[in-house]
Protein backbone atom coordinates (compact mmCIF):
# COMPACT_ATOMS: atom_id res chain seq x y z
CA UNK A 1 0.00 0.00 0.00
CA UNK A 2 1.19 3.46 -0.85
CA UNK A 3 1.54 6.31 1.64
CA UNK A 4 0.98 9.94 0.70
CA UNK A 5 1.19 13.16 2.66
CA UNK A 6 -1.69 15.58 2.20
CA UNK A 7 -2.16 19.06 3.63
CA UNK A 8 -5.38 19.52 5.60
CA UNK A 9 -7.52 22.67 5.61
CA UNK A 10 -5.42 24.09 8.48
CA UNK A 11 -2.15 23.60 6.60
CA UNK A 12 -1.01 20.59 8.63
CA UNK A 13 0.60 17.60 6.91
CA UNK A 14 -1.36 14.36 7.33
CA UNK A 15 -0.08 11.00 6.09
CA UNK A 16 -2.59 8.61 4.54
CA UNK A 17 -2.36 5.03 3.33
CA UNK A 18 -3.86 4.63 -0.13
CA UNK A 19 -5.71 1.32 -0.02
CA UNK A 20 -7.10 1.37 -3.55
CA UNK A 21 -7.87 3.38 -6.65
CA UNK A 22 -10.76 2.40 -8.89
CA UNK A 23 -13.10 3.74 -11.56
CA UNK A 24 -16.88 3.72 -11.66
CA UNK A 25 -18.78 5.09 -14.68
CA UNK A 26 -15.73 7.05 -15.94
CA UNK A 27 -15.16 8.58 -12.49
CA UNK A 28 -12.01 7.77 -10.52
CA UNK A 29 -11.99 7.25 -6.76
CA UNK A 30 -9.35 6.73 -4.11
CA UNK A 31 -9.79 4.76 -0.88
CA UNK A 32 -7.56 5.89 1.98
CA UNK A 33 -7.12 5.98 5.73
CA UNK A 34 -4.91 7.94 8.14
CA UNK A 35 -1.52 6.24 8.51
CA UNK A 36 -1.33 7.02 12.22
CA UNK A 37 -4.73 5.45 13.01
CA UNK A 38 -5.42 2.41 10.85
CA UNK A 39 -8.48 1.60 12.95
CA UNK A 40 -10.16 4.84 11.89
CA UNK A 41 -12.86 4.94 9.20
CA UNK A 42 -11.83 4.55 5.57
CA UNK A 43 -12.33 7.57 3.32
CA UNK A 44 -13.53 7.35 -0.28
CA UNK A 45 -12.90 10.50 -2.31
CA UNK A 46 -13.43 11.37 -5.97
CA UNK A 47 -10.41 12.24 -8.10
CA UNK A 48 -11.02 15.42 -10.13
CA UNK A 49 -8.76 17.77 -12.07
CA UNK A 50 -8.16 21.37 -11.11
CA UNK A 51 -7.89 24.24 -13.60
CA UNK A 52 -4.21 23.46 -14.16
CA UNK A 53 -4.82 19.77 -14.89
CA UNK A 54 -3.54 18.51 -11.55
CA UNK A 55 -5.38 15.79 -9.66
CA UNK A 56 -7.33 16.89 -6.60
CA UNK A 57 -9.37 14.83 -4.15
CA UNK A 58 -12.96 15.89 -3.60
CA UNK A 59 -15.49 14.83 -0.98
CA UNK A 60 -18.67 13.21 -2.28
CA UNK A 61 -22.31 13.29 -1.23
CA UNK A 62 -24.04 10.38 0.49
CA UNK A 63 -25.60 8.93 -2.68
CA UNK A 64 -22.32 8.93 -4.58
CA UNK A 65 -20.56 7.53 -1.51
CA UNK A 66 -22.96 4.58 -1.37
CA UNK A 67 -22.37 3.80 -5.06
CA UNK A 68 -18.60 4.09 -4.65
CA UNK A 69 -18.63 1.99 -1.48
CA UNK A 70 -20.60 -0.76 -3.21
CA UNK A 71 -18.17 -0.75 -6.15
CA UNK A 72 -15.19 -0.88 -3.77
CA UNK A 73 -16.67 -3.80 -1.83
CA UNK A 74 -17.24 -5.68 -5.11
CA UNK A 75 -13.65 -4.95 -6.14
CA UNK A 76 -12.36 -6.34 -2.84
CA UNK A 77 -14.44 -9.50 -3.28
CA UNK A 78 -13.09 -10.00 -6.81
CA UNK A 79 -9.52 -9.69 -5.54
CA UNK A 80 -10.14 -12.30 -2.85
CA UNK A 81 -11.46 -14.88 -5.32
C-alpha atoms as a PDB file:
ATOM      1  CA  UNK A   1       0.000   0.000   0.000  1.00  0.00           C
ATOM      2  CA  UNK A   2       1.193   3.463  -0.853  1.00  0.00           C
ATOM      3  CA  UNK A   3       1.540   6.308   1.641  1.00  0.00           C
ATOM      4  CA  UNK A   4       0.979   9.938   0.700  1.00  0.00           C
ATOM      5  CA  UNK A   5       1.191  13.161   2.660  1.00  0.00           C
ATOM      6  CA  UNK A   6      -1.690  15.581   2.203  1.00  0.00           C
ATOM      7  CA  UNK A   7      -2.158  19.059   3.629  1.00  0.00           C
ATOM      8  CA  UNK A   8      -5.377  19.524   5.600  1.00  0.00           C
ATOM      9  CA  UNK A   9      -7.524  22.671   5.615  1.00  0.00           C
ATOM     10  CA  UNK A  10      -5.422  24.089   8.481  1.00  0.00           C
ATOM     11  CA  UNK A  11      -2.150  23.604   6.604  1.00  0.00           C
ATOM     12  CA  UNK A  12      -1.011  20.594   8.632  1.00  0.00           C
ATOM     13  CA  UNK A  13       0.603  17.601   6.907  1.00  0.00           C
ATOM     14  CA  UNK A  14      -1.361  14.360   7.331  1.00  0.00           C
ATOM     15  CA  UNK A  15      -0.078  11.003   6.091  1.00  0.00           C
ATOM     16  CA  UNK A  16      -2.591   8.607   4.540  1.00  0.00           C
ATOM     17  CA  UNK A  17      -2.356   5.030   3.335  1.00  0.00           C
ATOM     18  CA  UNK A  18      -3.855   4.631  -0.133  1.00  0.00           C
ATOM     19  CA  UNK A  19      -5.711   1.318  -0.015  1.00  0.00           C
ATOM     20  CA  UNK A  20      -7.100   1.368  -3.552  1.00  0.00           C
ATOM     21  CA  UNK A  21      -7.867   3.377  -6.652  1.00  0.00           C
ATOM     22  CA  UNK A  22     -10.762   2.401  -8.890  1.00  0.00           C
ATOM     23  CA  UNK A  23     -13.099   3.740 -11.564  1.00  0.00           C
ATOM     24  CA  UNK A  24     -16.882   3.722 -11.664  1.00  0.00           C
ATOM     25  CA  UNK A  25     -18.780   5.090 -14.680  1.00  0.00           C
ATOM     26  CA  UNK A  26     -15.725   7.051 -15.943  1.00  0.00           C
ATOM     27  CA  UNK A  27     -15.158   8.582 -12.495  1.00  0.00           C
ATOM     28  CA  UNK A  28     -12.010   7.774 -10.522  1.00  0.00           C
ATOM     29  CA  UNK A  29     -11.993   7.255  -6.764  1.00  0.00           C
ATOM     30  CA  UNK A  30      -9.347   6.732  -4.111  1.00  0.00           C
ATOM     31  CA  UNK A  31      -9.792   4.760  -0.879  1.00  0.00           C
ATOM     32  CA  UNK A  32      -7.555   5.888   1.976  1.00  0.00           C
ATOM     33  CA  UNK A  33      -7.116   5.976   5.732  1.00  0.00           C
ATOM     34  CA  UNK A  34      -4.912   7.942   8.136  1.00  0.00           C
ATOM     35  CA  UNK A  35      -1.522   6.240   8.509  1.00  0.00           C
ATOM     36  CA  UNK A  36      -1.333   7.025  12.225  1.00  0.00           C
ATOM     37  CA  UNK A  37      -4.730   5.447  13.010  1.00  0.00           C
ATOM     38  CA  UNK A  38      -5.416   2.411  10.845  1.00  0.00           C
ATOM     39  CA  UNK A  39      -8.479   1.598  12.951  1.00  0.00           C
ATOM     40  CA  UNK A  40     -10.156   4.840  11.892  1.00  0.00           C
ATOM     41  CA  UNK A  41     -12.857   4.936   9.203  1.00  0.00           C
ATOM     42  CA  UNK A  42     -11.827   4.550   5.575  1.00  0.00           C
ATOM     43  CA  UNK A  43     -12.328   7.567   3.318  1.00  0.00           C
ATOM     44  CA  UNK A  44     -13.527   7.354  -0.283  1.00  0.00           C
ATOM     45  CA  UNK A  45     -12.897  10.504  -2.306  1.00  0.00           C
ATOM     46  CA  UNK A  46     -13.428  11.366  -5.968  1.00  0.00           C
ATOM     47  CA  UNK A  47     -10.408  12.242  -8.103  1.00  0.00           C
ATOM     48  CA  UNK A  48     -11.018  15.421 -10.126  1.00  0.00           C
ATOM     49  CA  UNK A  49      -8.757  17.767 -12.073  1.00  0.00           C
ATOM     50  CA  UNK A  50      -8.158  21.373 -11.109  1.00  0.00           C
ATOM     51  CA  UNK A  51      -7.892  24.242 -13.603  1.00  0.00           C
ATOM     52  CA  UNK A  52      -4.207  23.464 -14.158  1.00  0.00           C
ATOM     53  CA  UNK A  53      -4.818  19.769 -14.894  1.00  0.00           C
ATOM     54  CA  UNK A  54      -3.542  18.507 -11.553  1.00  0.00           C
ATOM     55  CA  UNK A  55      -5.380  15.786  -9.660  1.00  0.00           C
ATOM     56  CA  UNK A  56      -7.335  16.890  -6.602  1.00  0.00           C
ATOM     57  CA  UNK A  57      -9.365  14.828  -4.149  1.00  0.00           C
ATOM     58  CA  UNK A  58     -12.965  15.889  -3.600  1.00  0.00           C
ATOM     59  CA  UNK A  59     -15.489  14.830  -0.981  1.00  0.00           C
ATOM     60  CA  UNK A  60     -18.665  13.207  -2.283  1.00  0.00           C
ATOM     61  CA  UNK A  61     -22.315  13.288  -1.235  1.00  0.00           C
ATOM     62  CA  UNK A  62     -24.036  10.376   0.492  1.00  0.00           C
ATOM     63  CA  UNK A  63     -25.603   8.929  -2.676  1.00  0.00           C
ATOM     64  CA  UNK A  64     -22.319   8.931  -4.575  1.00  0.00           C
ATOM     65  CA  UNK A  65     -20.557   7.525  -1.512  1.00  0.00           C
ATOM     66  CA  UNK A  66     -22.963   4.580  -1.366  1.00  0.00           C
ATOM     67  CA  UNK A  67     -22.367   3.797  -5.058  1.00  0.00           C
ATOM     68  CA  UNK A  68     -18.597   4.086  -4.652  1.00  0.00           C
ATOM     69  CA  UNK A  69     -18.628   1.991  -1.481  1.00  0.00           C
ATOM     70  CA  UNK A  70     -20.602  -0.761  -3.213  1.00  0.00           C
ATOM     71  CA  UNK A  71     -18.167  -0.754  -6.146  1.00  0.00           C
ATOM     72  CA  UNK A  72     -15.186  -0.881  -3.773  1.00  0.00           C
ATOM     73  CA  UNK A  73     -16.670  -3.803  -1.825  1.00  0.00           C
ATOM     74  CA  UNK A  74     -17.240  -5.685  -5.109  1.00  0.00           C
ATOM     75  CA  UNK A  75     -13.647  -4.953  -6.135  1.00  0.00           C
ATOM     76  CA  UNK A  76     -12.357  -6.342  -2.845  1.00  0.00           C
ATOM     77  CA  UNK A  77     -14.444  -9.497  -3.280  1.00  0.00           C
ATOM     78  CA  UNK A  78     -13.085 -10.001  -6.814  1.00  0.00           C
ATOM     79  CA  UNK A  79      -9.515  -9.688  -5.538  1.00  0.00           C
ATOM     80  CA  UNK A  80     -10.137 -12.301  -2.847  1.00  0.00           C
ATOM     81  CA  UNK A  81     -11.461 -14.876  -5.323  1.00  0.00           C
END
